[in-house]
Amino acid sequence: MDAVSISPEALLAASLGFPGPQILDMRREAAFGTAEHALPGALRRDPEAVAAWAGALETHRPVVAYCLHGHAVSQEVAAALRARGLAASYLEGGIEGWASLGLPLAAKPGRPSVWVTRARPKVDRVACPWLLRRFVDPDARILFVPPAEVARVAGATGGTAFDIPGAPLYA
């Protein structure tokens, strides 16, 4: 299956809808390591390990892969994802083409955030982990621990305690 492209303008318009496409940063390590920016909402993935992470993508949402210039790396990833049945395309011109048009850039994603909450959350709170991954950090690590351990584990891991009395994020 061949790869399908999407223009930067079309991706920007699609990103404004809900739900927007899943945007994957496929730059090789050398290019990613020296970069300062990424596309807003992009997830960093290893282009050599598609089989390892492709199953975690949301099958009901389109996928857009980009690399530095929109050439072989992102085209091969998009083709591999299409072969797996996903609606995948690659960004024409890559991040360089996007940036040359003055389209918005975001800070390069860093390490996944860590969030710590009580095990067995109450029924009205089960959406919190989903909301964190959907709107804050798609790669967030969420640790469920006994309520008495939340503060200690958050401190030990550098995580943010939430949804427990005394935590910074408690409603």
Foldseek 3Di string as FASTA:
>chain_A
DWAAEDELVRLVVQVVDPPRAAEEEAEAPVVLVPDFWDAPNYDYDHLVPCVPCLVVDDQVHAYEYFYQQQPDSRRVSQVVSVVVVHNYHYYHGGVVNNVVVVHDIDGRDDDAAEEEEAPPDDPVCPCVVVCCCVPPNVPYHYHHYHLVCRVVVCVVVVHFYECHPPGPHHD
